[in-house]
Amino acid sequence: MDDATRFAAADSPISLTAEHAWDAAAPILYPVLRPAGTPGLHLDAIATPSSAAGNVEPLLDDGPVGLAISYAMAAGGFDILANGDHLAAWGVSPATLRAAALGNLGAWAARAPWSIDADDRRRVISSDTGDGWDASRILLPETSAYLEGELRGPGDRVLVGVPARHLLVAATLPGDDPEFAALFADFVLEYAGDSDEAIDRRVFELRDGRMTLFDPSAAG
């Protein structure tokens, strides 16, 4: 049963189910990559679930390269960001929340398609399903492994962009094609500027499963 069907069949609105019952929230909770500096209640600052009661700031974790991670409940066409009150009502630990959200993301990513474009040695792989979790795929180790395996060749670098929530894009930067980095950067910048849910306008690089800020002057 998909999320929309689940909620359509429920006897109670989401405000009376997933927001208050962990059993209802756990299957529909996903990590959402958000811009650096996003305000919220950091999960590491919560001593016990009950101590978060009364706090309606979004729950936050540290993401890669200084980005933030929030947690959203998918409700068939809209999302609800999990906050301190939700955690207190659920009565689960931050570790349990993280594990459920990442597990759901992994299950979604296992069946979500990739788009692949190639022009000679310029290869681009993107995720733009429209489901809302595309940029978040970069949080999964299997995503990094897939992108590096598909895009890296001898002397190549792997560029990554997370310009907005609905797009993860990665590309091969051949060692003898440095001008492609500027084209990739322009695309990321433009996409982020046009998005209502922008994340970051910078270009990143995958190196051994880790996303870092792209430095054009660094060795490949």
C-alpha atoms as a PDB file:
ATOM      1  CA  MET A   1       0.000   0.000   0.000  1.00  0.00           C
ATOM      2  CA  ASP A   2       1.493   3.375  -0.949  1.00  0.00           C
ATOM      3  CA  ASP A   3       1.421   6.437   1.309  1.00  0.00           C
ATOM      4  CA  ALA A   4      -1.563   8.075  -0.394  1.00  0.00           C
ATOM      5  CA  THR A   5      -3.632   4.892  -0.149  1.00  0.00           C
ATOM      6  CA  ARG A   6      -2.643   4.374   3.457  1.00  0.00           C
ATOM      7  CA  PHE A   7      -3.870   7.795   4.473  1.00  0.00           C
ATOM      8  CA  ALA A   8      -6.990   7.636   2.344  1.00  0.00           C
ATOM      9  CA  ALA A   9      -7.927   4.393   4.078  1.00  0.00           C
ATOM     10  CA  ALA A  10      -7.173   5.620   7.581  1.00  0.00           C
ATOM     11  CA  ASP A  11     -10.012   6.367   9.953  1.00  0.00           C
ATOM     12  CA  SER A  12      -8.154   9.333  11.439  1.00  0.00           C
ATOM     13  CA  PRO A  13      -6.388  12.263   9.764  1.00  0.00           C
ATOM     14  CA  ILE A  14      -2.622  12.280   9.833  1.00  0.00           C
ATOM     15  CA  SER A  15      -2.612  14.782  12.699  1.00  0.00           C
ATOM     16  CA  LEU A  16      -4.232  12.092  14.851  1.00  0.00           C
ATOM     17  CA  THR A  17      -2.138   9.159  13.637  1.00  0.00           C
ATOM     18  CA  ALA A  18       1.430   9.543  12.393  1.00  0.00           C
ATOM     19  CA  GLU A  19       2.064  12.715  14.381  1.00  0.00           C
ATOM     20  CA  HIS A  20       1.213  10.884  17.586  1.00  0.00           C
ATOM     21  CA  ALA A  21       1.852   7.187  16.956  1.00  0.00           C
ATOM     22  CA  TRP A  22       5.268   5.790  16.125  1.00  0.00           C
ATOM     23  CA  ASP A  23       3.824   2.717  14.435  1.00  0.00           C
ATOM     24  CA  ALA A  24       2.092   5.000  11.926  1.00  0.00           C
ATOM     25  CA  ALA A  25       5.041   7.390  11.503  1.00  0.00           C
ATOM     26  CA  ALA A  26       7.859   4.867  11.172  1.00  0.00           C
ATOM     27  CA  PRO A  27       6.980   3.600   7.666  1.00  0.00           C
ATOM     28  CA  ILE A  28       6.613   7.098   6.171  1.00  0.00           C
ATOM     29  CA  LEU A  29       9.557   8.932   7.725  1.00  0.00           C
ATOM     30  CA  TYR A  30      12.426  10.016   5.473  1.00  0.00           C
ATOM     31  CA  PRO A  31      15.581  12.127   5.874  1.00  0.00           C
ATOM     32  CA  VAL A  32      15.497  15.380   3.923  1.00  0.00           C
ATOM     33  CA  LEU A  33      18.678  17.192   2.951  1.00  0.00           C
ATOM     34  CA  ARG A  34      18.442  20.912   3.773  1.00  0.00           C
ATOM     35  CA  PRO A  35      20.650  24.005   3.416  1.00  0.00           C
ATOM     36  CA  ALA A  36      23.514  24.729   5.773  1.00  0.00           C
ATOM     37  CA  GLY A  37      22.379  26.864   8.701  1.00  0.00           C
ATOM     38  CA  THR A  38      18.834  25.484   8.779  1.00  0.00           C
ATOM     39  CA  PRO A  39      17.512  26.140  12.310  1.00  0.00           C
ATOM     40  CA  GLY A  40      16.082  23.361  14.410  1.00  0.00           C
ATOM     41  CA  LEU A  41      16.436  21.013  17.359  1.00  0.00           C
ATOM     42  CA  HIS A  42      19.529  18.861  16.971  1.00  0.00           C
ATOM     43  CA  LEU A  43      18.930  15.223  17.822  1.00  0.00           C
ATOM     44  CA  ASP A  44      22.247  15.019  19.670  1.00  0.00           C
ATOM     45  CA  ALA A  45      20.981  17.678  22.099  1.00  0.00           C
ATOM     46  CA  ILE A  46      17.980  15.593  23.199  1.00  0.00           C
ATOM     47  CA  ALA A  47      18.595  13.700  26.436  1.00  0.00           C
ATOM     48  CA  THR A  48      15.352  11.715  26.391  1.00  0.00           C
ATOM     49  CA  PRO A  49      12.346  11.754  24.024  1.00  0.00           C
ATOM     50  CA  SER A  50      10.144  13.311  26.707  1.00  0.00           C
ATOM     51  CA  SER A  51      12.591  16.201  27.163  1.00  0.00           C
ATOM     52  CA  ALA A  52      11.800  17.349  23.624  1.00  0.00           C
ATOM     53  CA  ALA A  53       8.124  17.958  24.445  1.00  0.00           C
ATOM     54  CA  GLY A  54       6.954  21.501  23.715  1.00  0.00           C
ATOM     55  CA  ASN A  55       9.615  22.132  21.082  1.00  0.00           C
ATOM     56  CA  VAL A  56       8.113  22.571  17.622  1.00  0.00           C
ATOM     57  CA  GLU A  57      11.405  23.245  15.819  1.00  0.00           C
ATOM     58  CA  PRO A  58      12.275  20.655  13.157  1.00  0.00           C
ATOM     59  CA  LEU A  59      14.507  17.826  14.297  1.00  0.00           C
ATOM     60  CA  LEU A  60      17.973  18.165  12.770  1.00  0.00           C
ATOM     61  CA  ASP A  61      21.103  16.132  12.163  1.00  0.00           C
ATOM     62  CA  ASP A  62      24.441  17.052  10.608  1.00  0.00           C
ATOM     63  CA  GLY A  63      24.657  16.229   6.925  1.00  0.00           C
ATOM     64  CA  PRO A  64      27.660  16.066   4.590  1.00  0.00           C
ATOM     65  CA  VAL A  65      29.716  19.195   3.780  1.00  0.00           C
ATOM     66  CA  GLY A  66      27.931  21.238   6.459  1.00  0.00           C
ATOM     67  CA  LEU A  67      24.429  20.626   5.157  1.00  0.00           C
ATOM     68  CA  ALA A  68      21.559  19.807   7.498  1.00  0.00           C
ATOM     69  CA  ILE A  69      19.210  16.842   7.653  1.00  0.00           C
ATOM     70  CA  SER A  70      15.573  17.106   8.704  1.00  0.00           C
ATOM     71  CA  TYR A  71      13.050  14.304   8.936  1.00  0.00           C
ATOM     72  CA  ALA A  72       9.766  14.419   7.070  1.00  0.00           C
ATOM     73  CA  MET A  73       6.603  12.344   7.196  1.00  0.00           C
ATOM     74  CA  ALA A  74       5.286  11.738   3.695  1.00  0.00           C
ATOM     75  CA  ALA A  75       1.553  12.308   3.615  1.00  0.00           C
ATOM     76  CA  GLY A  76       0.510  11.814   0.019  1.00  0.00           C
ATOM     77  CA  GLY A  77       1.191  15.132  -1.693  1.00  0.00           C
ATOM     78  CA  PHE A  78       2.618  17.029   1.257  1.00  0.00           C
ATOM     79  CA  ASP A  79       5.128  16.457   4.035  1.00  0.00           C
ATOM     80  CA  ILE A  80       5.230  17.194   7.746  1.00  0.00           C
ATOM     81  CA  LEU A  81       8.623  17.920   9.300  1.00  0.00           C
ATOM     82  CA  ALA A  82       9.163  15.951  12.487  1.00  0.00           C
ATOM     83  CA  ASN A  83       9.738  18.124  15.550  1.00  0.00           C
ATOM     84  CA  GLY A  84      10.392  17.768  19.259  1.00  0.00           C
ATOM     85  CA  ASP A  85       6.737  17.309  20.116  1.00  0.00           C
ATOM     86  CA  HIS A  86       6.522  14.427  17.664  1.00  0.00           C
ATOM     87  CA  LEU A  87       9.559  12.717  19.152  1.00  0.00           C
ATOM     88  CA  ALA A  88       8.119  13.057  22.649  1.00  0.00           C
ATOM     89  CA  ALA A  89       4.789  11.608  21.505  1.00  0.00           C
ATOM     90  CA  TRP A  90       6.495   8.723  19.727  1.00  0.00           C
ATOM     91  CA  GLY A  91       8.668   7.916  22.729  1.00  0.00           C
ATOM     92  CA  VAL A  92      11.555   6.619  20.622  1.00  0.00           C
ATOM     93  CA  SER A  93      15.230   7.453  20.708  1.00  0.00           C
ATOM     94  CA  PRO A  94      16.983   9.580  18.088  1.00  0.00           C
ATOM     95  CA  ALA A  95      18.860   6.454  17.000  1.00  0.00           C
ATOM     96  CA  THR A  96      15.576   4.640  16.360  1.00  0.00           C
ATOM     97  CA  LEU A  97      14.238   7.592  14.372  1.00  0.00           C
ATOM     98  CA  ARG A  98      17.393   7.800  12.248  1.00  0.00           C
ATOM     99  CA  ALA A  99      17.408   4.087  11.553  1.00  0.00           C
ATOM    100  CA  ALA A 100      13.769   4.065  10.452  1.00  0.00           C
ATOM    101  CA  ALA A 101      14.183   7.094   8.193  1.00  0.00           C
ATOM    102  CA  LEU A 102      17.359   5.820   6.523  1.00  0.00           C
ATOM    103  CA  GLY A 103      15.832   2.383   6.131  1.00  0.00           C
ATOM    104  CA  ASN A 104      12.844   3.883   4.317  1.00  0.00           C
ATOM    105  CA  LEU A 105      15.159   5.957   2.130  1.00  0.00           C
ATOM    106  CA  GLY A 106      17.189   2.891   1.265  1.00  0.00           C
ATOM    107  CA  ALA A 107      14.086   0.896   0.354  1.00  0.00           C
ATOM    108  CA  TRP A 108      12.825   3.744  -1.828  1.00  0.00           C
ATOM    109  CA  ALA A 109      16.211   4.237  -3.503  1.00  0.00           C
ATOM    110  CA  ALA A 110      16.477   0.536  -4.322  1.00  0.00           C
ATOM    111  CA  ARG A 111      13.547   0.883  -6.724  1.00  0.00           C
ATOM    112  CA  ALA A 112      13.915   4.536  -7.786  1.00  0.00           C
ATOM    113  CA  PRO A 113      15.346   4.961 -11.299  1.00  0.00           C
ATOM    114  CA  TRP A 114      18.423   6.872 -12.389  1.00  0.00           C
ATOM    115  CA  SER A 115      18.683   8.919 -15.574  1.00  0.00           C
ATOM    116  CA  ILE A 116      21.919   8.545 -17.552  1.00  0.00           C
ATOM    117  CA  ASP A 117      23.171  10.894 -20.281  1.00  0.00           C
ATOM    118  CA  ALA A 118      26.432  10.415 -22.109  1.00  0.00           C
ATOM    119  CA  ASP A 119      28.267  12.437 -24.732  1.00  0.00           C
ATOM    120  CA  ASP A 120      31.632  10.868 -25.418  1.00  0.00           C
ATOM    121  CA  ARG A 121      33.429  10.962 -22.035  1.00  0.00           C
ATOM    122  CA  ARG A 122      31.008  13.434 -20.488  1.00  0.00           C
ATOM    123  CA  ARG A 123      28.662  11.225 -18.493  1.00  0.00           C
ATOM    124  CA  VAL A 124      25.900  12.527 -16.239  1.00  0.00           C
ATOM    125  CA  ILE A 125      23.747  10.500 -13.854  1.00  0.00           C
ATOM    126  CA  SER A 126      20.790  12.102 -12.104  1.00  0.00           C
ATOM    127  CA  SER A 127      17.892  11.271  -9.844  1.00  0.00           C
ATOM    128  CA  ASP A 128      14.818  13.439 -10.428  1.00  0.00           C
ATOM    129  CA  THR A 129      11.847  11.187  -9.676  1.00  0.00           C
ATOM    130  CA  GLY A 130       9.735  13.953  -8.162  1.00  0.00           C
ATOM    131  CA  ASP A 131       9.113  11.856  -5.052  1.00  0.00           C
ATOM    132  CA  GLY A 132      10.977  14.312  -2.848  1.00  0.00           C
ATOM    133  CA  TRP A 133      13.898  12.165  -1.714  1.00  0.00           C
ATOM    134  CA  ASP A 134      16.256  12.520  -4.687  1.00  0.00           C
ATOM    135  CA  ALA A 135      18.884  14.770  -3.116  1.00  0.00           C
ATOM    136  CA  SER A 136      18.723  12.695   0.061  1.00  0.00           C
ATOM    137  CA  ARG A 137      20.016   9.667  -1.842  1.00  0.00           C
ATOM    138  CA  ILE A 138      23.531  10.999  -1.349  1.00  0.00           C
ATOM    139  CA  LEU A 139      23.203  10.064   2.340  1.00  0.00           C
ATOM    140  CA  LEU A 140      23.265   6.370   1.416  1.00  0.00           C
ATOM    141  CA  PRO A 141      26.669   4.661   1.086  1.00  0.00           C
ATOM    142  CA  GLU A 142      25.299   2.560  -1.754  1.00  0.00           C
ATOM    143  CA  THR A 143      24.571   5.742  -3.716  1.00  0.00           C
ATOM    144  CA  SER A 144      28.163   6.936  -3.466  1.00  0.00           C
ATOM    145  CA  ALA A 145      29.415   3.484  -4.422  1.00  0.00           C
ATOM    146  CA  TYR A 146      27.132   3.366  -7.450  1.00  0.00           C
ATOM    147  CA  LEU A 147      28.031   6.840  -8.690  1.00  0.00           C
ATOM    148  CA  GLU A 148      31.765   6.342  -8.303  1.00  0.00           C
ATOM    149  CA  GLY A 149      31.571   2.937  -9.927  1.00  0.00           C
ATOM    150  CA  GLU A 150      29.690   4.303 -12.923  1.00  0.00           C
ATOM    151  CA  LEU A 151      31.479   7.615 -13.347  1.00  0.00           C
ATOM    152  CA  ARG A 152      35.080   7.239 -12.285  1.00  0.00           C
ATOM    153  CA  GLY A 153      37.768   6.173 -14.717  1.00  0.00           C
ATOM    154  CA  PRO A 154      41.542   6.559 -14.668  1.00  0.00           C
ATOM    155  CA  GLY A 155      42.344  10.232 -14.100  1.00  0.00           C
ATOM    156  CA  ASP A 156      38.673  11.184 -13.750  1.00  0.00           C
ATOM    157  CA  ARG A 157      36.905  13.001 -10.926  1.00  0.00           C
ATOM    158  CA  VAL A 158      33.263  12.662  -9.903  1.00  0.00           C
ATOM    159  CA  LEU A 159      31.314  15.889  -9.534  1.00  0.00           C
ATOM    160  CA  VAL A 160      28.102  16.066  -7.480  1.00  0.00           C
ATOM    161  CA  GLY A 161      25.343  18.637  -7.168  1.00  0.00           C
ATOM    162  CA  VAL A 162      22.424  18.792  -4.735  1.00  0.00           C
ATOM    163  CA  PRO A 163      20.891  22.051  -5.942  1.00  0.00           C
ATOM    164  CA  ALA A 164      17.383  21.277  -4.722  1.00  0.00           C
ATOM    165  CA  ARG A 165      15.367  18.642  -2.947  1.00  0.00           C
ATOM    166  CA  HIS A 166      14.166  17.004  -6.148  1.00  0.00           C
ATOM    167  CA  LEU A 167      17.543  16.571  -7.836  1.00  0.00           C
ATOM    168  CA  LEU A 168      20.771  14.720  -7.245  1.00  0.00           C
ATOM    169  CA  VAL A 169      23.137  15.040 -10.176  1.00  0.00           C
ATOM    170  CA  ALA A 170      26.622  13.609 -10.651  1.00  0.00           C
ATOM    171  CA  ALA A 171      29.040  13.654 -13.566  1.00  0.00           C
ATOM    172  CA  THR A 172      32.400  12.481 -14.761  1.00  0.00           C
ATOM    173  CA  LEU A 173      35.038  15.190 -14.968  1.00  0.00           C
ATOM    174  CA  PRO A 174      37.710  13.822 -17.309  1.00  0.00           C
ATOM    175  CA  GLY A 175      41.234  14.906 -16.546  1.00  0.00           C
ATOM    176  CA  ASP A 176      41.596  16.367 -20.034  1.00  0.00           C
ATOM    177  CA  ASP A 177      38.237  18.211 -20.033  1.00  0.00           C
ATOM    178  CA  PRO A 178      38.508  20.812 -17.230  1.00  0.00           C
ATOM    179  CA  GLU A 179      36.032  23.201 -18.868  1.00  0.00           C
ATOM    180  CA  PHE A 180      33.209  20.746 -18.148  1.00  0.00           C
ATOM    181  CA  ALA A 181      33.445  21.672 -14.452  1.00  0.00           C
ATOM    182  CA  ALA A 182      32.308  25.218 -15.264  1.00  0.00           C
ATOM    183  CA  LEU A 183      29.365  23.923 -17.304  1.00  0.00           C
ATOM    184  CA  PHE A 184      28.339  21.631 -14.482  1.00  0.00           C
ATOM    185  CA  ALA A 185      28.631  24.475 -11.950  1.00  0.00           C
ATOM    186  CA  ASP A 186      26.476  26.751 -14.104  1.00  0.00           C
ATOM    187  CA  PHE A 187      23.773  24.088 -14.284  1.00  0.00           C
ATOM    188  CA  VAL A 188      23.757  23.551 -10.508  1.00  0.00           C
ATOM    189  CA  LEU A 189      23.642  27.285  -9.863  1.00  0.00           C
ATOM    190  CA  GLU A 190      20.757  27.843 -12.272  1.00  0.00           C
ATOM    191  CA  TYR A 191      18.737  24.905 -10.997  1.00  0.00           C
ATOM    192  CA  ALA A 192      19.097  26.014  -7.381  1.00  0.00           C
ATOM    193  CA  GLY A 193      18.139  29.563  -8.282  1.00  0.00           C
ATOM    194  CA  ASP A 194      14.937  28.398  -9.944  1.00  0.00           C
ATOM    195  CA  SER A 195      13.855  26.025  -7.174  1.00  0.00           C
ATOM    196  CA  ASP A 196      11.430  26.666  -4.332  1.00  0.00           C
ATOM    197  CA  GLU A 197      13.239  24.018  -2.277  1.00  0.00           C
ATOM    198  CA  ALA A 198      16.867  24.864  -2.980  1.00  0.00           C
ATOM    199  CA  ILE A 199      19.617  23.166  -0.990  1.00  0.00           C
ATOM    200  CA  ASP A 200      23.031  24.300  -2.196  1.00  0.00           C
ATOM    201  CA  ARG A 201      24.501  26.091  -5.208  1.00  0.00           C
ATOM    202  CA  ARG A 202      27.998  24.701  -4.844  1.00  0.00           C
ATOM    203  CA  VAL A 203      29.656  21.834  -6.676  1.00  0.00           C
ATOM    204  CA  PHE A 204      30.897  18.894  -4.633  1.00  0.00           C
ATOM    205  CA  GLU A 205      33.107  15.921  -5.378  1.00  0.00           C
ATOM    206  CA  LEU A 206      32.913  12.275  -4.423  1.00  0.00           C
ATOM    207  CA  ARG A 207      36.176  10.790  -3.211  1.00  0.00           C
ATOM    208  CA  ASP A 208      36.176   7.283  -1.758  1.00  0.00           C
ATOM    209  CA  GLY A 209      32.528   7.508  -0.729  1.00  0.00           C
ATOM    210  CA  ARG A 210      32.853  10.930   0.882  1.00  0.00           C
ATOM    211  CA  MET A 211      31.362  14.138  -0.483  1.00  0.00           C
ATOM    212  CA  THR A 212      33.686  17.136  -0.271  1.00  0.00           C
ATOM    213  CA  LEU A 213      33.698  20.642  -1.702  1.00  0.00           C
ATOM    214  CA  PHE A 214      35.042  20.576  -5.242  1.00  0.00           C
ATOM    215  CA  ASP A 215      38.410  22.278  -5.627  1.00  0.00           C
ATOM    216  CA  PRO A 216      39.298  22.747  -9.325  1.00  0.00           C
ATOM    217  CA  SER A 217      42.971  23.197  -8.437  1.00  0.00           C
ATOM    218  CA  ALA A 218      43.257  19.908  -6.559  1.00  0.00           C
ATOM    219  CA  ALA A 219      44.758  16.843  -8.146  1.00  0.00           C
ATOM    220  CA  GLY A 220      42.328  14.319  -9.621  1.00  0.00           C
END
